[in-house]
C-alpha atoms as a PDB file:
ATOM      1  CA  UNK A   1     -70.801 -70.726  27.395  1.00  0.00           C
ATOM      2  CA  UNK A   2     -68.492 -70.881  30.255  1.00  0.00           C
ATOM      3  CA  UNK A   3     -65.797 -71.083  27.795  1.00  0.00           C
ATOM      4  CA  UNK A   4     -66.822 -67.835  26.095  1.00  0.00           C
ATOM      5  CA  UNK A   5     -67.106 -66.134  29.441  1.00  0.00           C
ATOM      6  CA  UNK A   6     -63.659 -67.279  30.280  1.00  0.00           C
ATOM      7  CA  UNK A   7     -62.279 -66.005  26.989  1.00  0.00           C
ATOM      8  CA  UNK A   8     -64.056 -62.696  27.513  1.00  0.00           C
ATOM      9  CA  UNK A   9     -62.607 -62.396  30.996  1.00  0.00           C
ATOM     10  CA  UNK A  10     -59.170 -63.232  29.677  1.00  0.00           C
ATOM     11  CA  UNK A  11     -59.440 -60.638  26.912  1.00  0.00           C
ATOM     12  CA  UNK A  12     -60.728 -58.059  29.392  1.00  0.00           C
ATOM     13  CA  UNK A  13     -57.853 -58.728  31.791  1.00  0.00           C
ATOM     14  CA  UNK A  14     -55.347 -58.536  28.932  1.00  0.00           C
ATOM     15  CA  UNK A  15     -56.853 -55.278  27.702  1.00  0.00           C
ATOM     16  CA  UNK A  16     -56.816 -53.752  31.190  1.00  0.00           C
ATOM     17  CA  UNK A  17     -53.220 -54.866  31.669  1.00  0.00           C
ATOM     18  CA  UNK A  18     -52.134 -53.341  28.348  1.00  0.00           C
ATOM     19  CA  UNK A  19     -53.962 -50.076  29.055  1.00  0.00           C
ATOM     20  CA  UNK A  20     -52.497 -49.802  32.560  1.00  0.00           C
ATOM     21  CA  UNK A  21     -48.983 -50.547  31.320  1.00  0.00           C
ATOM     22  CA  UNK A  22     -49.445 -48.046  28.498  1.00  0.00           C
ATOM     23  CA  UNK A  23     -50.708 -45.302  30.812  1.00  0.00           C
ATOM     24  CA  UNK A  24     -48.196 -45.837  33.594  1.00  0.00           C
ATOM     25  CA  UNK A  25     -45.158 -46.302  31.346  1.00  0.00           C
ATOM     26  CA  UNK A  26     -42.658 -49.044  31.390  1.00  0.00           C
ATOM     27  CA  UNK A  27     -39.719 -48.777  33.737  1.00  0.00           C
ATOM     28  CA  UNK A  28     -37.719 -51.433  32.002  1.00  0.00           C
ATOM     29  CA  UNK A  29     -35.071 -50.271  29.524  1.00  0.00           C
ATOM     30  CA  UNK A  30     -32.879 -52.749  27.690  1.00  0.00           C
ATOM     31  CA  UNK A  31     -29.159 -52.362  28.531  1.00  0.00           C
ATOM     32  CA  UNK A  32     -28.221 -51.269  24.982  1.00  0.00           C
ATOM     33  CA  UNK A  33     -30.882 -48.571  25.040  1.00  0.00           C
ATOM     34  CA  UNK A  34     -29.777 -47.445  28.512  1.00  0.00           C
ATOM     35  CA  UNK A  35     -26.169 -47.148  27.264  1.00  0.00           C
ATOM     36  CA  UNK A  36     -27.277 -45.124  24.251  1.00  0.00           C
ATOM     37  CA  UNK A  37     -29.303 -42.778  26.463  1.00  0.00           C
ATOM     38  CA  UNK A  38     -26.322 -42.210  28.783  1.00  0.00           C
ATOM     39  CA  UNK A  39     -24.052 -41.544  25.799  1.00  0.00           C
ATOM     40  CA  UNK A  40     -26.489 -38.980  24.394  1.00  0.00           C
ATOM     41  CA  UNK A  41     -26.770 -37.304  27.800  1.00  0.00           C
ATOM     42  CA  UNK A  42     -22.976 -37.020  28.107  1.00  0.00           C
ATOM     43  CA  UNK A  43     -22.736 -35.630  24.557  1.00  0.00           C
ATOM     44  CA  UNK A  44     -25.428 -33.096  25.404  1.00  0.00           C
ATOM     45  CA  UNK A  45     -23.557 -32.061  28.540  1.00  0.00           C
ATOM     46  CA  UNK A  46     -20.240 -31.656  26.676  1.00  0.00           C
ATOM     47  CA  UNK A  47     -21.976 -29.718  23.892  1.00  0.00           C
ATOM     48  CA  UNK A  48     -23.520 -27.425  26.502  1.00  0.00           C
ATOM     49  CA  UNK A  49     -20.114 -26.807  28.102  1.00  0.00           C
ATOM     50  CA  UNK A  50     -18.528 -26.133  24.701  1.00  0.00           C
ATOM     51  CA  UNK A  51     -21.346 -23.720  23.862  1.00  0.00           C
ATOM     52  CA  UNK A  52     -20.717 -21.825  27.117  1.00  0.00           C
ATOM     53  CA  UNK A  53     -16.981 -21.603  26.353  1.00  0.00           C
ATOM     54  CA  UNK A  54     -17.643 -20.377  22.829  1.00  0.00           C
ATOM     55  CA  UNK A  55     -20.079 -17.773  24.111  1.00  0.00           C
ATOM     56  CA  UNK A  56     -17.497 -16.478  26.599  1.00  0.00           C
ATOM     57  CA  UNK A  57     -14.860 -16.367  23.843  1.00  0.00           C
ATOM     58  CA  UNK A  58     -17.298 -14.530  21.600  1.00  0.00           C
ATOM     59  CA  UNK A  59     -17.992 -12.003  24.346  1.00  0.00           C
ATOM     60  CA  UNK A  60     -14.273 -11.366  24.963  1.00  0.00           C
ATOM     61  CA  UNK A  61     -13.527 -11.105  21.244  1.00  0.00           C
ATOM     62  CA  UNK A  62     -16.439  -8.720  20.784  1.00  0.00           C
ATOM     63  CA  UNK A  63     -15.122  -6.577  23.632  1.00  0.00           C
ATOM     64  CA  UNK A  64     -11.629  -6.572  22.095  1.00  0.00           C
ATOM     65  CA  UNK A  65     -13.123  -5.648  18.718  1.00  0.00           C
ATOM     66  CA  UNK A  66     -15.019  -2.753  20.276  1.00  0.00           C
ATOM     67  CA  UNK A  67     -11.872  -1.553  22.057  1.00  0.00           C
ATOM     68  CA  UNK A  68      -9.867  -1.737  18.831  1.00  0.00           C
ATOM     69  CA  UNK A  69     -12.611   0.061  16.916  1.00  0.00           C
ATOM     70  CA  UNK A  70     -12.529   2.831  19.522  1.00  0.00           C
ATOM     71  CA  UNK A  71      -8.751   3.056  19.089  1.00  0.00           C
ATOM     72  CA  UNK A  72      -9.124   3.207  15.312  1.00  0.00           C
ATOM     73  CA  UNK A  73     -11.674   6.003  15.632  1.00  0.00           C
ATOM     74  CA  UNK A  74      -9.414   7.944  18.016  1.00  0.00           C
ATOM     75  CA  UNK A  75      -6.387   7.482  15.760  1.00  0.00           C
ATOM     76  CA  UNK A  76      -8.423   8.509  12.709  1.00  0.00           C
ATOM     77  CA  UNK A  77      -9.479  11.707  14.459  1.00  0.00           C
ATOM     78  CA  UNK A  78      -5.887  12.356  15.545  1.00  0.00           C
ATOM     79  CA  UNK A  79      -4.686  11.690  11.994  1.00  0.00           C
ATOM     80  CA  UNK A  80      -7.234  14.123  10.603  1.00  0.00           C
ATOM     81  CA  UNK A  81      -6.210  16.746  13.187  1.00  0.00           C
ATOM     82  CA  UNK A  82      -2.535  16.245  12.298  1.00  0.00           C
ATOM     83  CA  UNK A  83      -3.347  16.542   8.575  1.00  0.00           C
ATOM     84  CA  UNK A  84      -5.114  19.839   9.200  1.00  0.00           C
ATOM     85  CA  UNK A  85      -2.173  21.010  11.321  1.00  0.00           C
ATOM     86  CA  UNK A  86       0.332  19.985   8.625  1.00  0.00           C
ATOM     87  CA  UNK A  87      -1.679  21.806   5.977  1.00  0.00           C
ATOM     88  CA  UNK A  88      -1.793  24.998   8.063  1.00  0.00           C
ATOM     89  CA  UNK A  89       1.937  24.729   8.824  1.00  0.00           C
ATOM     90  CA  UNK A  90       2.689  24.263   5.137  1.00  0.00           C
ATOM     91  CA  UNK A  91       0.591  27.333   4.320  1.00  0.00           C
ATOM     92  CA  UNK A  92       2.441  29.290   7.020  1.00  0.00           C
ATOM     93  CA  UNK A  93       5.788  28.071   5.681  1.00  0.00           C
ATOM     94  CA  UNK A  94       4.858  29.060   2.139  1.00  0.00           C
ATOM     95  CA  UNK A  95       3.792  32.503   3.351  1.00  0.00           C
ATOM     96  CA  UNK A  96       7.013  32.881   5.373  1.00  0.00           C
ATOM     97  CA  UNK A  97       9.111  31.819   2.380  1.00  0.00           C
ATOM     98  CA  UNK A  98       7.290  34.379   0.247  1.00  0.00           C
ATOM     99  CA  UNK A  99       7.955  37.127   2.805  1.00  0.00           C
ATOM    100  CA  UNK A 100      11.598  36.028   3.020  1.00  0.00           C
ATOM    101  CA  UNK A 101      11.978  36.135  -0.747  1.00  0.00           C
ATOM    102  CA  UNK A 102      10.442  39.645  -0.836  1.00  0.00           C
ATOM    103  CA  UNK A 103      12.660  40.850   1.991  1.00  0.00           C
ATOM    104  CA  UNK A 104      15.717  39.326   0.302  1.00  0.00           C
ATOM    105  CA  UNK A 105      14.878  41.209  -2.918  1.00  0.00           C
ATOM    106  CA  UNK A 106      14.462  44.441  -0.966  1.00  0.00           C
ATOM    107  CA  UNK A 107      17.604  43.824   1.106  1.00  0.00           C
ATOM    108  CA  UNK A 108      19.946  43.192  -1.878  1.00  0.00           C
ATOM    109  CA  UNK A 109      19.768  46.778  -3.236  1.00  0.00           C
ATOM    110  CA  UNK A 110      20.339  48.132   0.285  1.00  0.00           C
ATOM    111  CA  UNK A 111      23.327  45.847   0.796  1.00  0.00           C
ATOM    112  CA  UNK A 112      24.943  47.139  -2.407  1.00  0.00           C
ATOM    113  CA  UNK A 113      24.549  50.754  -1.301  1.00  0.00           C
ATOM    114  CA  UNK A 114      25.995  50.176   2.195  1.00  0.00           C
ATOM    115  CA  UNK A 115      29.759  50.769   2.449  1.00  0.00           C
ATOM    116  CA  UNK A 116      31.803  47.916   3.784  1.00  0.00           C
ATOM    117  CA  UNK A 117      33.376  48.934   7.081  1.00  0.00           C
ATOM    118  CA  UNK A 118      37.121  48.861   7.548  1.00  0.00           C
ATOM    119  CA  UNK A 119      36.821  47.292  11.013  1.00  0.00           C
ATOM    120  CA  UNK A 120      37.048  43.541  11.149  1.00  0.00           C
ATOM    121  CA  UNK A 121      34.097  41.784  12.650  1.00  0.00           C
ATOM    122  CA  UNK A 122      34.413  40.856  16.293  1.00  0.00           C
ATOM    123  CA  UNK A 123      33.486  37.292  15.588  1.00  0.00           C
ATOM    124  CA  UNK A 124      36.119  36.961  12.870  1.00  0.00           C
ATOM    125  CA  UNK A 125      38.825  38.521  15.035  1.00  0.00           C
ATOM    126  CA  UNK A 126      38.323  36.096  17.897  1.00  0.00           C
ATOM    127  CA  UNK A 127      39.783  32.648  17.514  1.00  0.00           C
ATOM    128  CA  UNK A 128      38.279  29.662  19.181  1.00  0.00           C
ATOM    129  CA  UNK A 129      40.411  28.094  21.854  1.00  0.00           C
ATOM    130  CA  UNK A 130      41.171  24.425  21.234  1.00  0.00           C
ATOM    131  CA  UNK A 131      39.312  22.108  23.604  1.00  0.00           C
ATOM    132  CA  UNK A 132      41.331  21.041  26.614  1.00  0.00           C
ATOM    133  CA  UNK A 133      42.453  17.466  26.834  1.00  0.00           C
ATOM    134  CA  UNK A 134      40.945  15.544  29.743  1.00  0.00           C
ATOM    135  CA  UNK A 135      43.278  14.936  32.688  1.00  0.00           C
ATOM    136  CA  UNK A 136      45.125  11.637  32.601  1.00  0.00           C
ATOM    137  CA  UNK A 137      44.040  10.383  36.055  1.00  0.00           C
ATOM    138  CA  UNK A 138      40.447  10.200  34.817  1.00  0.00           C
ATOM    139  CA  UNK A 139      41.493   8.011  31.913  1.00  0.00           C
ATOM    140  CA  UNK A 140      43.221   5.639  34.331  1.00  0.00           C
ATOM    141  CA  UNK A 141      40.119   5.438  36.485  1.00  0.00           C
ATOM    142  CA  UNK A 142      38.048   4.444  33.467  1.00  0.00           C
ATOM    143  CA  UNK A 143      40.487   1.675  32.598  1.00  0.00           C
ATOM    144  CA  UNK A 144      40.396   0.471  36.190  1.00  0.00           C
ATOM    145  CA  UNK A 145      36.602   0.567  36.244  1.00  0.00           C
ATOM    146  CA  UNK A 146      36.447  -1.523  33.071  1.00  0.00           C
ATOM    147  CA  UNK A 147      38.910  -4.030  34.526  1.00  0.00           C
ATOM    148  CA  UNK A 148      36.879  -4.432  37.726  1.00  0.00           C
ATOM    149  CA  UNK A 149      33.579  -4.793  35.857  1.00  0.00           C
ATOM    150  CA  UNK A 150      34.933  -7.718  33.818  1.00  0.00           C
ATOM    151  CA  UNK A 151      35.750  -9.795  36.934  1.00  0.00           C
END
C-alpha cells in the first residue's frame, strides 16, 4: 500500500507540475524557433515601413490627380468659352461679309456714274524717298564690337 500511495503522490506531483507549467507558460524557446521569430518580426517591421511609404505615395499621387483633374476641368471650360466666342465671331464675320457684299453691289453703280477727276491723286503724285544708308562709322563700330566679343 505504501507503494500505491507513493505512485499516487508521484502522479499528483507530476500533474501539478504539468498544470503549473501549462498555466504559467514556458520561457524556453529553442534557438531555431527564436531565430524564426526574429526573422518574422523584422519582415513585419519592413512590411509596415513599406506600407507607410506606399500610403504616402498614394496620397501624393491622389493629390496630383486631383490637381490635374481641376486643370482639365478649367481647360475644358476655357475651351468651351473659346468655342462659343469663335462661333459668335464667325457669325459676326459672315454678317460683315454679307453687308460688305451688299455695299459693294450698291457702290458699283455709283462708281460708274461718278466722273473721273482730271487731278492726279496726291498719293500717286508723291514719290517715296529712298531710305538713307546708315553712316559708315556705325558699321565700323559693329565690326569692332564683334572683334572684341570673340576674344
